C-alpha atoms as a PDB file:
ATOM      1  CA  UNK A   1     151.808 227.917 217.439  1.00  0.00           C
ATOM      2  CA  UNK A   2     148.836 225.304 218.001  1.00  0.00           C
ATOM      3  CA  UNK A   3     150.847 223.867 220.398  1.00  0.00           C
ATOM      4  CA  UNK A   4     151.013 227.131 222.340  1.00  0.00           C
ATOM      5  CA  UNK A   5     147.601 228.052 221.904  1.00  0.00           C
ATOM      6  CA  UNK A   6     146.176 225.124 223.232  1.00  0.00           C
ATOM      7  CA  UNK A   7     149.411 224.888 226.253  1.00  0.00           C
ATOM      8  CA  UNK A   8     147.765 228.612 227.452  1.00  0.00           C
ATOM      9  CA  UNK A   9     144.178 227.545 226.866  1.00  0.00           C
ATOM     10  CA  UNK A  10     144.339 224.725 228.949  1.00  0.00           C
ATOM     11  CA  UNK A  11     146.223 226.781 231.955  1.00  0.00           C
ATOM     12  CA  UNK A  12     143.048 229.466 231.058  1.00  0.00           C
ATOM     13  CA  UNK A  13     140.268 226.711 231.897  1.00  0.00           C
ATOM     14  CA  UNK A  14     142.263 225.891 235.414  1.00  0.00           C
ATOM     15  CA  UNK A  15     142.262 229.798 235.693  1.00  0.00           C
ATOM     16  CA  UNK A  16     138.238 230.339 235.315  1.00  0.00           C
ATOM     17  CA  UNK A  17     137.483 227.431 238.039  1.00  0.00           C
ATOM     18  CA  UNK A  18     139.652 229.284 240.508  1.00  0.00           C
ATOM     19  CA  UNK A  19     138.035 232.487 238.873  1.00  0.00           C
ATOM     20  CA  UNK A  20     134.510 230.765 240.002  1.00  0.00           C
ATOM     21  CA  UNK A  21     135.465 229.899 243.514  1.00  0.00           C
ATOM     22  CA  UNK A  22     136.337 234.083 243.929  1.00  0.00           C
ATOM     23  CA  UNK A  23     133.508 234.558 242.159  1.00  0.00           C
ATOM     24  CA  UNK A  24     131.325 232.386 244.547  1.00  0.00           C
ATOM     25  CA  UNK A  25     133.127 233.651 247.686  1.00  0.00           C
ATOM     26  CA  UNK A  26     131.838 237.009 246.848  1.00  0.00           C
ATOM     27  CA  UNK A  27     135.860 238.452 246.732  1.00  0.00           C
ATOM     28  CA  UNK A  28     134.783 239.660 243.248  1.00  0.00           C
ATOM     29  CA  UNK A  29     131.878 240.454 241.448  1.00  0.00           C
ATOM     30  CA  UNK A  30     131.028 238.591 239.340  1.00  0.00           C
ATOM     31  CA  UNK A  31     130.574 241.569 236.585  1.00  0.00           C
ATOM     32  CA  UNK A  32     133.971 242.625 237.004  1.00  0.00           C
ATOM     33  CA  UNK A  33     135.747 239.048 237.092  1.00  0.00           C
ATOM     34  CA  UNK A  34     133.680 238.612 233.682  1.00  0.00           C
ATOM     35  CA  UNK A  35     135.656 241.979 232.663  1.00  0.00           C
ATOM     36  CA  UNK A  36     138.618 240.740 234.150  1.00  0.00           C
ATOM     37  CA  UNK A  37     138.711 237.361 232.157  1.00  0.00           C
ATOM     38  CA  UNK A  38     137.435 238.824 228.928  1.00  0.00           C
ATOM     39  CA  UNK A  39     140.969 241.102 229.366  1.00  0.00           C
ATOM     40  CA  UNK A  40     143.152 237.975 230.185  1.00  0.00           C
ATOM     41  CA  UNK A  41     141.702 236.314 227.232  1.00  0.00           C
ATOM     42  CA  UNK A  42     142.579 238.783 224.946  1.00  0.00           C
ATOM     43  CA  UNK A  43     146.338 238.698 226.845  1.00  0.00           C
ATOM     44  CA  UNK A  44     146.667 234.906 226.228  1.00  0.00           C
ATOM     45  CA  UNK A  45     145.874 235.400 222.707  1.00  0.00           C
ATOM     46  CA  UNK A  46     148.827 237.912 222.045  1.00  0.00           C
ATOM     47  CA  UNK A  47     150.816 235.975 224.360  1.00  0.00           C
ATOM     48  CA  UNK A  48     150.798 232.780 221.716  1.00  0.00           C
ATOM     49  CA  UNK A  49     151.880 234.611 218.523  1.00  0.00           C
ATOM     50  CA  UNK A  50     154.413 236.355 220.664  1.00  0.00           C
ATOM     51  CA  UNK A  51     156.057 233.572 222.383  1.00  0.00           C
ATOM     52  CA  UNK A  52     154.570 231.073 220.516  1.00  0.00           C
ATOM     53  CA  UNK A  53     158.234 229.179 220.505  1.00  0.00           C
ATOM     54  CA  UNK A  54     159.298 228.954 224.149  1.00  0.00           C
ATOM     55  CA  UNK A  55     158.935 226.291 226.609  1.00  0.00           C
ATOM     56  CA  UNK A  56     154.946 224.505 227.265  1.00  0.00           C
ATOM     57  CA  UNK A  57     155.436 224.519 230.709  1.00  0.00           C
ATOM     58  CA  UNK A  58     156.661 228.207 230.695  1.00  0.00           C
ATOM     59  CA  UNK A  59     153.426 229.316 228.913  1.00  0.00           C
ATOM     60  CA  UNK A  60     151.149 226.987 230.925  1.00  0.00           C
ATOM     61  CA  UNK A  61     152.735 228.848 234.140  1.00  0.00           C
ATOM     62  CA  UNK A  62     151.979 232.096 232.380  1.00  0.00           C
ATOM     63  CA  UNK A  63     148.921 231.416 231.993  1.00  0.00           C
ATOM     64  CA  UNK A  64     147.654 229.259 234.959  1.00  0.00           C
ATOM     65  CA  UNK A  65     149.638 231.558 237.747  1.00  0.00           C
ATOM     66  CA  UNK A  66     148.290 234.936 237.677  1.00  0.00           C
ATOM     67  CA  UNK A  67     145.274 234.034 238.834  1.00  0.00           C
ATOM     68  CA  UNK A  68     146.667 231.205 240.989  1.00  0.00           C
ATOM     69  CA  UNK A  69     148.666 234.254 242.815  1.00  0.00           C
ATOM     70  CA  UNK A  70     145.609 236.070 242.815  1.00  0.00           C
ATOM     71  CA  UNK A  71     142.730 234.111 244.816  1.00  0.00           C
ATOM     72  CA  UNK A  72     146.023 233.041 247.023  1.00  0.00           C
ATOM     73  CA  UNK A  73     146.479 237.046 247.453  1.00  0.00           C
ATOM     74  CA  UNK A  74     142.504 237.318 248.444  1.00  0.00           C
ATOM     75  CA  UNK A  75     142.630 234.068 250.511  1.00  0.00           C
ATOM     76  CA  UNK A  76     145.079 235.572 252.805  1.00  0.00           C
ATOM     77  CA  UNK A  77     143.179 238.977 252.750  1.00  0.00           C
ATOM     78  CA  UNK A  78     140.307 237.473 253.392  1.00  0.00           C
ATOM     79  CA  UNK A  79     141.452 234.909 256.557  1.00  0.00           C
ATOM     80  CA  UNK A  80     142.873 238.284 258.043  1.00  0.00           C
ATOM     81  CA  UNK A  81     139.369 240.868 257.818  1.00  0.00           C
ATOM     82  CA  UNK A  82     137.863 237.296 259.214  1.00  0.00           C
ATOM     83  CA  UNK A  83     140.776 237.728 262.124  1.00  0.00           C
ATOM     84  CA  UNK A  84     140.021 241.432 262.738  1.00  0.00           C
ATOM     85  CA  UNK A  85     135.968 240.645 262.051  1.00  0.00           C
ATOM     86  CA  UNK A  86     136.270 239.071 265.533  1.00  0.00           C
ATOM     87  CA  UNK A  87     137.530 241.753 267.160  1.00  0.00           C
ATOM     88  CA  UNK A  88     135.023 244.494 265.319  1.00  0.00           C
ATOM     89  CA  UNK A  89     132.297 241.774 266.811  1.00  0.00           C
ATOM     90  CA  UNK A  90     133.212 241.478 270.313  1.00  0.00           C
ATOM     91  CA  UNK A  91     133.012 245.191 270.341  1.00  0.00           C
ATOM     92  CA  UNK A  92     129.920 245.960 268.638  1.00  0.00           C
ATOM     93  CA  UNK A  93     128.344 242.655 271.018  1.00  0.00           C
ATOM     94  CA  UNK A  94     129.400 245.018 274.368  1.00  0.00           C
ATOM     95  CA  UNK A  95     127.087 248.114 272.275  1.00  0.00           C
ATOM     96  CA  UNK A  96     124.484 245.635 272.243  1.00  0.00           C
ATOM     97  CA  UNK A  97     124.553 244.329 275.452  1.00  0.00           C
ATOM     98  CA  UNK A  98     124.427 247.644 276.982  1.00  0.00           C
ATOM     99  CA  UNK A  99     121.370 249.060 274.669  1.00  0.00           C
ATOM    100  CA  UNK A 100     119.542 246.041 275.562  1.00  0.00           C
ATOM    101  CA  UNK A 101     119.899 246.639 279.375  1.00  0.00           C
ATOM    102  CA  UNK A 102     119.139 249.803 278.934  1.00  0.00           C
ATOM    103  CA  UNK A 103     115.424 248.370 278.053  1.00  0.00           C
ATOM    104  CA  UNK A 104     115.814 248.528 274.559  1.00  0.00           C
ATOM    105  CA  UNK A 105     115.189 245.660 271.992  1.00  0.00           C
ATOM    106  CA  UNK A 106     117.729 242.850 270.290  1.00  0.00           C
ATOM    107  CA  UNK A 107     116.835 244.529 267.092  1.00  0.00           C
ATOM    108  CA  UNK A 108     116.873 247.872 267.812  1.00  0.00           C
ATOM    109  CA  UNK A 109     119.968 247.740 269.739  1.00  0.00           C
ATOM    110  CA  UNK A 110     121.604 245.639 266.437  1.00  0.00           C
ATOM    111  CA  UNK A 111     120.574 248.589 264.044  1.00  0.00           C
ATOM    112  CA  UNK A 112     122.492 251.347 266.212  1.00  0.00           C
ATOM    113  CA  UNK A 113     124.986 249.095 266.981  1.00  0.00           C
ATOM    114  CA  UNK A 114     125.410 248.681 263.395  1.00  0.00           C
ATOM    115  CA  UNK A 115     125.123 252.367 262.659  1.00  0.00           C
ATOM    116  CA  UNK A 116     128.292 252.755 265.287  1.00  0.00           C
ATOM    117  CA  UNK A 117     130.598 250.488 263.328  1.00  0.00           C
ATOM    118  CA  UNK A 118     133.185 251.551 261.374  1.00  0.00           C
ATOM    119  CA  UNK A 119     132.411 251.966 257.454  1.00  0.00           C
ATOM    120  CA  UNK A 120     134.756 249.236 256.435  1.00  0.00           C
ATOM    121  CA  UNK A 121     133.258 246.788 258.477  1.00  0.00           C
ATOM    122  CA  UNK A 122     129.612 247.931 257.846  1.00  0.00           C
ATOM    123  CA  UNK A 123     128.607 246.073 254.917  1.00  0.00           C
ATOM    124  CA  UNK A 124     129.154 242.900 256.937  1.00  0.00           C
ATOM    125  CA  UNK A 125     127.595 243.389 259.876  1.00  0.00           C
ATOM    126  CA  UNK A 126     124.327 244.516 257.456  1.00  0.00           C
ATOM    127  CA  UNK A 127     124.872 240.825 255.499  1.00  0.00           C
ATOM    128  CA  UNK A 128     124.602 239.593 259.096  1.00  0.00           C
ATOM    129  CA  UNK A 129     121.742 241.265 260.085  1.00  0.00           C
ATOM    130  CA  UNK A 130     120.013 240.274 257.297  1.00  0.00           C
ATOM    131  CA  UNK A 131     120.475 236.710 258.083  1.00  0.00           C
ATOM    132  CA  UNK A 132     119.519 236.775 260.941  1.00  0.00           C
ATOM    133  CA  UNK A 133     116.322 239.269 260.426  1.00  0.00           C
ATOM    134  CA  UNK A 134     115.407 237.474 257.574  1.00  0.00           C
ATOM    135  CA  UNK A 135     116.255 233.615 258.368  1.00  0.00           C
ATOM    136  CA  UNK A 136     112.772 232.724 256.583  1.00  0.00           C
ATOM    137  CA  UNK A 137     113.960 234.176 253.506  1.00  0.00           C
ATOM    138  CA  UNK A 138     117.672 234.275 253.692  1.00  0.00           C
ATOM    139  CA  UNK A 139     119.545 230.304 253.709  1.00  0.00           C
ATOM    140  CA  UNK A 140     123.049 230.745 255.174  1.00  0.00           C
ATOM    141  CA  UNK A 141     125.328 230.102 252.223  1.00  0.00           C
ATOM    142  CA  UNK A 142     129.206 229.225 252.331  1.00  0.00           C
ATOM    143  CA  UNK A 143     130.659 231.421 255.323  1.00  0.00           C
ATOM    144  CA  UNK A 144     133.733 231.088 257.653  1.00  0.00           C
ATOM    145  CA  UNK A 145     133.038 228.678 260.745  1.00  0.00           C
ATOM    146  CA  UNK A 146     132.627 232.055 262.961  1.00  0.00           C
ATOM    147  CA  UNK A 147     130.463 233.492 260.999  1.00  0.00           C
ATOM    148  CA  UNK A 148     127.879 230.808 261.036  1.00  0.00           C
ATOM    149  CA  UNK A 149     128.376 230.539 264.658  1.00  0.00           C
ATOM    150  CA  UNK A 150     127.250 233.846 264.991  1.00  0.00           C
ATOM    151  CA  UNK A 151     124.367 233.593 263.012  1.00  0.00           C
ATOM    152  CA  UNK A 152     122.913 231.393 264.855  1.00  0.00           C
ATOM    153  CA  UNK A 153     123.672 232.513 268.302  1.00  0.00           C
ATOM    154  CA  UNK A 154     122.045 236.155 266.747  1.00  0.00           C
ATOM    155  CA  UNK A 155     118.997 233.971 265.945  1.00  0.00           C
ATOM    156  CA  UNK A 156     118.651 232.194 269.125  1.00  0.00           C
ATOM    157  CA  UNK A 157     118.776 235.630 270.757  1.00  0.00           C
ATOM    158  CA  UNK A 158     116.318 237.446 268.807  1.00  0.00           C
ATOM    159  CA  UNK A 159     113.814 234.325 268.834  1.00  0.00           C
ATOM    160  CA  UNK A 160     114.080 234.211 272.923  1.00  0.00           C
ATOM    161  CA  UNK A 161     113.985 237.856 274.139  1.00  0.00           C
ATOM    162  CA  UNK A 162     113.868 236.766 277.734  1.00  0.00           C
ATOM    163  CA  UNK A 163     117.205 234.945 277.429  1.00  0.00           C
ATOM    164  CA  UNK A 164     119.040 237.345 275.001  1.00  0.00           C
ATOM    165  CA  UNK A 165     121.347 238.912 277.341  1.00  0.00           C
ATOM    166  CA  UNK A 166     122.060 235.636 278.956  1.00  0.00           C
ATOM    167  CA  UNK A 167     123.068 234.216 275.825  1.00  0.00           C
ATOM    168  CA  UNK A 168     124.621 236.706 274.137  1.00  0.00           C
ATOM    169  CA  UNK A 169     126.875 237.594 277.652  1.00  0.00           C
ATOM    170  CA  UNK A 170     128.030 233.768 277.460  1.00  0.00           C
ATOM    171  CA  UNK A 171     128.673 234.430 273.348  1.00  0.00           C
ATOM    172  CA  UNK A 172     130.983 237.409 274.219  1.00  0.00           C
ATOM    173  CA  UNK A 173     132.899 235.433 277.323  1.00  0.00           C
ATOM    174  CA  UNK A 174     133.331 232.337 274.465  1.00  0.00           C
ATOM    175  CA  UNK A 175     134.818 234.161 272.080  1.00  0.00           C
ATOM    176  CA  UNK A 176     137.062 236.113 274.539  1.00  0.00           C
ATOM    177  CA  UNK A 177     138.636 233.200 275.625  1.00  0.00           C
ATOM    178  CA  UNK A 178     138.622 231.730 272.307  1.00  0.00           C
ATOM    179  CA  UNK A 179     140.501 234.512 271.153  1.00  0.00           C
ATOM    180  CA  UNK A 180     142.919 234.796 274.171  1.00  0.00           C
ATOM    181  CA  UNK A 181     143.914 231.005 273.888  1.00  0.00           C
ATOM    182  CA  UNK A 182     144.623 231.702 270.253  1.00  0.00           C
ATOM    183  CA  UNK A 183     146.506 234.577 270.920  1.00  0.00           C
ATOM    184  CA  UNK A 184     148.816 232.214 273.171  1.00  0.00           C
ATOM    185  CA  UNK A 185     148.992 229.448 270.968  1.00  0.00           C
ATOM    186  CA  UNK A 186     150.014 231.333 268.292  1.00  0.00           C
ATOM    187  CA  UNK A 187     152.929 232.993 270.158  1.00  0.00           C
ATOM    188  CA  UNK A 188     153.799 229.343 271.375  1.00  0.00           C
ATOM    189  CA  UNK A 189     153.782 228.070 267.732  1.00  0.00           C
ATOM    190  CA  UNK A 190     155.919 230.857 266.373  1.00  0.00           C
ATOM    191  CA  UNK A 191     158.813 229.787 268.917  1.00  0.00           C
ATOM    192  CA  UNK A 192     158.669 226.736 267.976  1.00  0.00           C
ATOM    193  CA  UNK A 193     159.080 227.619 264.402  1.00  0.00           C
ATOM    194  CA  UNK A 194     162.109 230.137 264.963  1.00  0.00           C
ATOM    195  CA  UNK A 195     163.931 227.098 266.635  1.00  0.00           C
ATOM    196  CA  UNK A 196     162.922 224.392 264.100  1.00  0.00           C
ATOM    197  CA  UNK A 197     164.509 227.211 261.367  1.00  0.00           C
ATOM    198  CA  UNK A 198     167.524 227.779 263.494  1.00  0.00           C
ATOM    199  CA  UNK A 199     167.671 223.777 263.839  1.00  0.00           C
ATOM    200  CA  UNK A 200     167.054 223.484 259.762  1.00  0.00           C
ATOM    201  CA  UNK A 201     170.541 225.933 259.628  1.00  0.00           C
ATOM    202  CA  UNK A 202     172.398 223.415 261.860  1.00  0.00           C
ATOM    203  CA  UNK A 203     170.965 220.112 260.457  1.00  0.00           C
ATOM    204  CA  UNK A 204     172.232 221.587 256.958  1.00  0.00           C
ATOM    205  CA  UNK A 205     175.695 222.733 257.967  1.00  0.00           C
ATOM    206  CA  UNK A 206     176.000 219.168 260.121  1.00  0.00           C
ATOM    207  CA  UNK A 207     174.624 217.273 256.867  1.00  0.00           C
ATOM    208  CA  UNK A 208     177.184 219.190 254.522  1.00  0.00           C
ATOM    209  CA  UNK A 209     180.097 218.345 257.141  1.00  0.00           C
ATOM    210  CA  UNK A 210     179.639 214.778 257.484  1.00  0.00           C
ATOM    211  CA  UNK A 211     179.377 214.373 253.641  1.00  0.00           C
ATOM    212  CA  UNK A 212     182.203 216.215 253.002  1.00  0.00           C
ATOM    213  CA  UNK A 213     184.127 214.276 255.610  1.00  0.00           C
ATOM    214  CA  UNK A 214     182.784 210.982 255.765  1.00  0.00           C
ATOM    215  CA  UNK A 215     182.017 210.588 251.708  1.00  0.00           C
ATOM    216  CA  UNK A 216     179.025 211.145 250.043  1.00  0.00           C
ATOM    217  CA  UNK A 217     178.539 208.000 248.230  1.00  0.00           C
ATOM    218  CA  UNK A 218     179.951 205.131 250.726  1.00  0.00           C
ATOM    219  CA  UNK A 219     176.578 206.703 253.469  1.00  0.00           C
ATOM    220  CA  UNK A 220     174.183 208.209 250.684  1.00  0.00           C
ATOM    221  CA  UNK A 221     171.761 205.313 252.346  1.00  0.00           C
ATOM    222  CA  UNK A 222     171.633 206.548 255.672  1.00  0.00           C
ATOM    223  CA  UNK A 223     172.411 210.229 254.270  1.00  0.00           C
ATOM    224  CA  UNK A 224     169.292 210.307 252.456  1.00  0.00           C
ATOM    225  CA  UNK A 225     167.110 208.696 255.602  1.00  0.00           C
ATOM    226  CA  UNK A 226     168.536 211.130 257.909  1.00  0.00           C
ATOM    227  CA  UNK A 227     167.440 213.822 255.174  1.00  0.00           C
ATOM    228  CA  UNK A 228     163.725 212.233 255.115  1.00  0.00           C
ATOM    229  CA  UNK A 229     163.052 212.221 258.684  1.00  0.00           C
ATOM    230  CA  UNK A 230     164.190 215.795 259.319  1.00  0.00           C
ATOM    231  CA  UNK A 231     161.942 217.222 256.596  1.00  0.00           C
ATOM    232  CA  UNK A 232     159.126 215.130 257.572  1.00  0.00           C
ATOM    233  CA  UNK A 233     159.683 216.347 261.166  1.00  0.00           C
ATOM    234  CA  UNK A 234     159.681 219.918 259.527  1.00  0.00           C
ATOM    235  CA  UNK A 235     156.543 219.611 257.183  1.00  0.00           C
ATOM    236  CA  UNK A 236     154.712 218.701 260.097  1.00  0.00           C
ATOM    237  CA  UNK A 237     155.924 221.739 262.507  1.00  0.00           C
ATOM    238  CA  UNK A 238     155.271 224.200 260.156  1.00  0.00           C
ATOM    239  CA  UNK A 239     152.351 222.549 258.064  1.00  0.00           C
ATOM    240  CA  UNK A 240     150.628 219.649 260.362  1.00  0.00           C
ATOM    241  CA  UNK A 241     150.624 221.635 263.724  1.00  0.00           C
ATOM    242  CA  UNK A 242     147.744 224.594 262.248  1.00  0.00           C
ATOM    243  CA  UNK A 243     145.509 221.194 262.153  1.00  0.00           C
ATOM    244  CA  UNK A 244     145.652 220.430 265.421  1.00  0.00           C
ATOM    245  CA  UNK A 245     141.958 221.683 266.955  1.00  0.00           C
ATOM    246  CA  UNK A 246     142.491 222.450 270.975  1.00  0.00           C
ATOM    247  CA  UNK A 247     138.962 222.397 272.859  1.00  0.00           C
ATOM    248  CA  UNK A 248     138.318 224.945 275.399  1.00  0.00           C
END
C-alpha cells in the first residue's frame, strides 16, 4: 500500500508540473485546474487502495499519463487554432486597411474590425488590442512568435499614423507570402513522408528476407548497422525536417 501510494504521488508531482504549464499558457483557468487537480488527487488515493499490488510502473503511468495526454491534446488544439488565427487575422487586417483608407483612425478601424469578427476569435483579437493600446501598462507575456510580431507591427502602426497604412499593407503581404510558402512546403513534406512510409515497408520486407535467407546470427553486425542507418534517416525525415526554417 505504501509503495503504491509513493509511486502514484511521484507520478502526480510530474502531472502537477504539466498542469502549471497548462495554466501559464492559459489553456485552462487556474480555478478550474485547482478543481481538476483536487478530484484527480482523490481518484489517485482511491487507486492506491484498489490497486496496491499492481506493477509500480503501471501505477506511475496511471498517475502521469492522463495529464500528459491532456497537455498534448491542448498543445495540438492550440497549434491548430494558431494556424487558423493567421487566416482570420489576414481577413481582419484587410477590413482595417479599408476603413483606414476611408478616413478612420487606426484604433477605430481596429475596434470595428473586432466587432465584425467571429465570436469564437474575438477574445484573441481583444487581447491583441489590449497589448497594442495599453502597451505602457501591459507587458507582452509568453506568446507565439506570430502574435509577438503582430503586436509589434500594430504598435508601430498606432504610434506612426502617417505610415500606418503602408506598414500594415507590407505586413499583410508578408503574411500572405509566408502562408503560401508554408502551404507549398507542407505539401512537399507530406509527399516525402508518404514515400518514406512506403520505403519503410519495403525495407522491413527485404530485412526479413535477408535475415531468413542468409541467417541472422551470421550477419548480425551488418543487419544491426543497416537498421540503425535506416532508422536514423527515417527519424530525420519525420522529426528533424520540421525544424528547418526557410527564409522567404
